[in-house]
N, C-alpha and C. Protein backbone atom coordinates (compact mmCIF):
# COMPACT_ATOMS: atom_id res chain seq x y z
N MET A 1 1.11 -1.06 0.10
CA MET A 1 -0.11 0.39 0.14
C MET A 1 0.98 1.37 0.14
N GLY A 2 0.56 2.37 -1.02
CA GLY A 2 1.17 3.32 -1.12
C GLY A 2 1.22 4.79 0.25
N VAL A 3 1.24 5.64 0.33
CA VAL A 3 1.09 6.72 1.47
C VAL A 3 -0.33 6.85 1.08
N ALA A 4 -1.31 7.15 2.16
CA ALA A 4 -2.58 7.61 1.80
C ALA A 4 -2.52 8.96 2.63
N HIS A 5 -3.83 9.73 2.05
CA HIS A 5 -3.76 10.79 2.70
C HIS A 5 -5.39 11.23 3.39
N SER A 6 -5.46 12.28 4.07
CA SER A 6 -6.95 12.71 4.69
C SER A 6 -6.78 13.69 4.55
N ARG A 7 -7.94 14.90 4.98
CA ARG A 7 -7.85 15.87 5.16
C ARG A 7 -9.34 16.09 5.69
N LEU A 8 -8.53 16.96 7.26
CA LEU A 8 -9.64 17.13 8.62
C LEU A 8 -10.89 18.56 7.43
N THR A 9 -11.97 17.78 8.04
CA THR A 9 -12.82 19.02 7.45
C THR A 9 -13.06 20.33 8.52
N ALA A 10 -13.84 21.24 8.32
CA ALA A 10 -14.56 22.53 9.06
C ALA A 10 -15.09 21.61 10.54
N GLN A 11 -15.75 20.08 10.31
CA GLN A 11 -16.44 20.09 11.28
C GLN A 11 -15.28 18.59 11.96
N SER A 12 -14.03 18.69 11.81
CA SER A 12 -12.97 17.36 12.60
C SER A 12 -13.02 16.05 12.17
N GLN A 13 -13.84 16.03 10.69
CA GLN A 13 -14.59 14.74 10.05
C GLN A 13 -12.48 14.42 9.57
N ILE A 14 -12.47 13.03 9.11
CA ILE A 14 -11.94 12.33 8.20
C ILE A 14 -12.26 11.50 7.09
N SER A 15 -11.72 11.26 6.12
CA SER A 15 -12.27 10.22 5.17
C SER A 15 -11.59 9.42 5.35
N VAL A 16 -11.66 8.18 5.42
CA VAL A 16 -10.64 7.08 5.44
C VAL A 16 -10.57 6.71 3.86
N PRO A 17 -9.44 6.38 3.06
CA PRO A 17 -9.16 6.61 2.03
C PRO A 17 -9.20 4.87 1.75
N ALA A 18 -9.78 4.51 0.74
CA ALA A 18 -10.37 3.17 -0.06
C ALA A 18 -9.43 2.47 0.31
N GLU A 19 -8.07 2.41 -0.29
CA GLU A 19 -7.15 1.52 -0.08
C GLU A 19 -7.16 0.75 1.33
N VAL A 20 -6.85 2.47 2.29
CA VAL A 20 -7.19 1.98 4.17
C VAL A 20 -8.03 1.11 4.41
N ARG A 21 -9.27 1.32 4.09
CA ARG A 21 -10.99 0.40 3.94
C ARG A 21 -10.45 -0.82 3.70
N ARG A 22 -10.14 -1.12 2.53
CA ARG A 22 -10.30 -2.24 2.38
C ARG A 22 -9.18 -2.84 2.97
N LYS A 23 -8.16 -2.73 3.08
CA LYS A 23 -6.98 -3.11 4.28
C LYS A 23 -6.86 -3.73 5.39
N LEU A 24 -8.40 -2.84 5.62
CA LEU A 24 -8.44 -3.00 7.55
C LEU A 24 -9.91 -4.14 7.19
N GLY A 25 -10.31 -3.68 6.14
CA GLY A 25 -11.49 -4.73 5.87
C GLY A 25 -12.87 -3.91 6.64
N ILE A 26 -13.01 -2.65 6.47
CA ILE A 26 -13.85 -1.59 7.10
C ILE A 26 -14.97 -1.26 6.55
N GLY A 27 -16.47 -0.65 6.63
CA GLY A 27 -17.19 -0.20 6.18
C GLY A 27 -17.86 0.58 7.18
N PRO A 28 -19.30 1.15 6.19
CA PRO A 28 -20.40 1.95 7.51
C PRO A 28 -20.51 1.39 8.89
N GLY A 29 -20.31 2.13 9.94
CA GLY A 29 -20.53 1.08 10.53
C GLY A 29 -19.40 0.66 12.11
N SER A 30 -18.07 0.33 11.09
CA SER A 30 -17.30 -0.02 11.51
C SER A 30 -16.34 0.73 12.88
N VAL A 31 -15.75 0.61 13.46
CA VAL A 31 -15.55 1.29 14.88
C VAL A 31 -13.76 1.32 14.60
N LEU A 32 -13.18 2.18 15.10
CA LEU A 32 -12.09 2.45 14.93
C LEU A 32 -10.94 3.12 16.20
N GLU A 33 -9.83 2.64 16.38
CA GLU A 33 -9.16 2.59 17.83
C GLU A 33 -8.24 3.63 17.51
N TRP A 34 -8.29 4.68 17.78
CA TRP A 34 -7.21 5.47 18.02
C TRP A 34 -6.45 5.20 19.46
N ARG A 35 -5.33 4.74 19.40
CA ARG A 35 -3.75 4.88 20.48
C ARG A 35 -2.37 5.69 20.02
N ASP A 36 -2.74 5.71 21.34
CA ASP A 36 -1.70 7.09 21.24
C ASP A 36 -0.44 6.20 21.35
N ASP A 37 0.97 6.29 20.99
CA ASP A 37 2.21 5.13 20.70
C ASP A 37 3.41 5.74 20.77
N GLY A 38 3.21 7.15 21.65
CA GLY A 38 4.51 7.92 21.37
C GLY A 38 4.54 8.63 20.97
N ASP A 39 5.38 8.49 19.73
CA ASP A 39 5.55 10.19 18.81
C ASP A 39 4.53 9.95 17.97
N ARG A 40 3.78 9.06 17.87
CA ARG A 40 2.14 8.74 16.46
C ARG A 40 1.38 8.43 17.11
N ILE A 41 0.57 8.46 16.55
CA ILE A 41 -1.34 8.09 16.36
C ILE A 41 -1.55 6.28 15.72
N VAL A 42 -1.81 5.19 16.64
CA VAL A 42 -2.06 4.09 15.86
C VAL A 42 -3.57 4.08 15.89
N VAL A 43 -3.92 3.72 14.49
CA VAL A 43 -5.24 3.28 14.20
C VAL A 43 -5.80 2.46 13.77
N ARG A 44 -6.81 1.38 14.04
CA ARG A 44 -7.10 0.18 13.84
C ARG A 44 -8.61 -0.39 14.00
N ARG A 45 -8.90 -1.43 13.39
CA ARG A 45 -10.23 -1.52 13.53
C ARG A 45 -10.46 -2.12 15.37
N LEU A 46 -11.31 -2.10 15.69
CA LEU A 46 -11.23 -2.25 16.55
C LEU A 46 -12.90 -3.95 16.51
N GLY A 47 -11.97 -4.79 17.28
CA GLY A 47 -13.05 -6.09 17.20
C GLY A 47 -12.81 -7.38 16.58
N GLN A 48 -11.35 -6.88 15.81
CA GLN A 48 -10.57 -7.77 15.15
C GLN A 48 -9.84 -9.04 16.08
N TYR A 49 -10.42 -10.16 16.44
CA TYR A 49 -9.73 -10.87 17.00
C TYR A 49 -9.17 -12.57 16.55
N THR A 50 -8.32 -13.32 16.34
CA THR A 50 -8.00 -14.39 16.40
C THR A 50 -9.13 -15.14 17.02
N SER A 51 -9.46 -16.51 16.83
CA SER A 51 -9.20 -17.52 17.36
C SER A 51 -8.34 -17.56 19.07
N GLY A 52 -7.20 -17.74 18.18
CA GLY A 52 -6.26 -17.61 19.33
C GLY A 52 -6.37 -16.47 20.35
N ASP A 53 -6.21 -15.46 19.62
CA ASP A 53 -6.87 -14.34 20.57
C ASP A 53 -7.91 -14.38 21.67
N VAL A 54 -8.62 -14.99 21.18
CA VAL A 54 -10.32 -15.49 22.51
C VAL A 54 -9.27 -16.46 23.38
N HIS A 55 -8.73 -17.32 22.34
CA HIS A 55 -8.40 -18.61 23.74
C HIS A 55 -7.35 -18.45 24.50
N ARG A 56 -6.66 -17.92 24.20
CA ARG A 56 -5.93 -16.80 25.52
C ARG A 56 -6.61 -16.42 26.49
N ALA A 57 -7.85 -15.42 25.98
CA ALA A 57 -8.19 -14.51 27.22
C ALA A 57 -9.18 -15.66 27.95
N LEU A 58 -9.60 -16.77 27.78
CA LEU A 58 -10.70 -17.80 28.04
C LEU A 58 -9.77 -18.63 29.33
N PHE A 59 -8.57 -19.39 28.08
CA PHE A 59 -7.84 -20.37 29.06
C PHE A 59 -6.39 -19.98 29.51
N PRO A 60 -6.06 -20.54 30.55
CA PRO A 60 -4.56 -20.57 31.18
C PRO A 60 -3.32 -21.00 29.90
N THR A 61 -3.86 -22.09 29.36
CA THR A 61 -2.87 -22.81 28.46
C THR A 61 -3.47 -22.40 26.99
N PRO A 62 -2.38 -22.91 25.84
CA PRO A 62 -2.64 -22.77 24.52
C PRO A 62 -3.43 -24.33 24.48
N PRO A 63 -3.61 -23.80 23.34
CA PRO A 63 -4.42 -25.36 22.87
C PRO A 63 -3.23 -26.23 22.35
N LYS A 64 -4.08 -27.90 22.68
CA LYS A 64 -3.16 -28.48 21.67
C LYS A 64 -3.13 -28.30 20.06
N PRO A 65 -1.45 -28.65 19.41
CA PRO A 65 -1.60 -28.59 18.02
C PRO A 65 -2.62 -29.91 17.79
N ARG A 66 -3.39 -29.76 16.92
CA ARG A 66 -3.84 -30.70 15.87
C ARG A 66 -3.81 -30.84 14.37
N THR A 67 -3.81 -31.84 13.95
CA THR A 67 -3.55 -32.23 12.48
C THR A 67 -5.15 -32.05 11.63
N LEU A 68 -4.80 -32.12 10.46
CA LEU A 68 -6.15 -32.01 9.87
C LEU A 68 -7.20 -32.86 10.21
N VAL A 69 -6.60 -33.81 10.35
CA VAL A 69 -7.34 -35.26 9.81
C VAL A 69 -8.10 -35.38 11.54
N GLU A 70 -7.14 -35.01 12.74
CA GLU A 70 -7.87 -34.63 14.14
C GLU A 70 -9.00 -33.96 14.34
N LEU A 71 -8.98 -32.48 13.59
CA LEU A 71 -10.00 -31.68 13.56
C LEU A 71 -11.12 -32.08 12.89
N LYS A 72 -11.38 -33.14 11.86
CA LYS A 72 -12.11 -33.34 10.83
C LYS A 72 -12.69 -34.68 12.03
N GLU A 73 -12.08 -35.62 12.60
CA GLU A 73 -12.76 -36.27 13.51
C GLU A 73 -13.39 -36.12 14.42
N GLY A 74 -12.63 -35.07 15.25
CA GLY A 74 -13.79 -34.45 16.05
C GLY A 74 -14.79 -33.77 15.65
N VAL A 75 -15.06 -32.67 15.03
CA VAL A 75 -16.00 -32.56 13.99
C VAL A 75 -17.27 -33.36 13.82
N ARG A 76 -16.77 -34.80 13.72
CA ARG A 76 -17.60 -35.75 12.50
C ARG A 76 -18.14 -36.34 14.08
N ARG A 77 -17.28 -36.36 15.02
CA ARG A 77 -18.19 -37.60 16.14
C ARG A 77 -18.84 -36.45 16.80
N TYR A 78 -18.84 -35.13 16.77
CA TYR A 78 -19.93 -34.04 17.78
C TYR A 78 -20.43 -33.75 16.83
N ILE A 79 -20.76 -33.76 15.32
CA ILE A 79 -22.12 -34.06 15.07
C ILE A 79 -22.94 -35.49 14.98
N HIS A 80 -21.92 -36.26 15.13
CA HIS A 80 -22.95 -37.66 14.94
C HIS A 80 -23.54 -37.82 16.24
N GLY A 81 -22.79 -37.55 17.74
CA GLY A 81 -23.30 -37.12 18.47
C GLY A 81 -24.53 -36.39 19.01
N ARG A 82 -24.49 -35.07 18.52
CA ARG A 82 -26.08 -34.35 18.09
C ARG A 82 -26.48 -34.98 17.43
N HIS A 83 -26.46 -35.77 16.74
CA HIS A 83 -27.68 -36.04 15.99
C HIS A 83 -28.34 -37.03 16.18
N ARG A 84 -27.58 -37.86 17.23
CA ARG A 84 -28.21 -39.05 18.03
C ARG A 84 -28.87 -38.43 18.50
N ALA A 85 -28.27 -37.17 19.43
CA ALA A 85 -29.22 -37.18 20.91
C ALA A 85 -30.76 -36.32 20.39
N SER A 86 -30.25 -36.15 19.35
CA SER A 86 -31.93 -35.30 18.70
C SER A 86 -33.36 -36.41 17.98
N ARG A 87 -32.52 -37.60 18.75
CA ARG A 87 -33.97 -39.09 18.03
C ARG A 87 -34.72 -39.18 18.72
């Protein structure tokens, strides 16, 4: 991404350049966080968390690494158990 610029309006509003909106994945209604980082201000999309971020917030230990085969088998067992319980 190249350098992007915005101009402050008389009402102290700015427009977020299209290339920045695409990179952040934001649109109307998105919430941006403005953080003071010493000699600069960092802007980021609020609410963008990975499953790892959520897991670290909820559990004290990291998840055990699983293979794709193990994950598929776990999903299969879960669905099979749910299907059996609904009969």
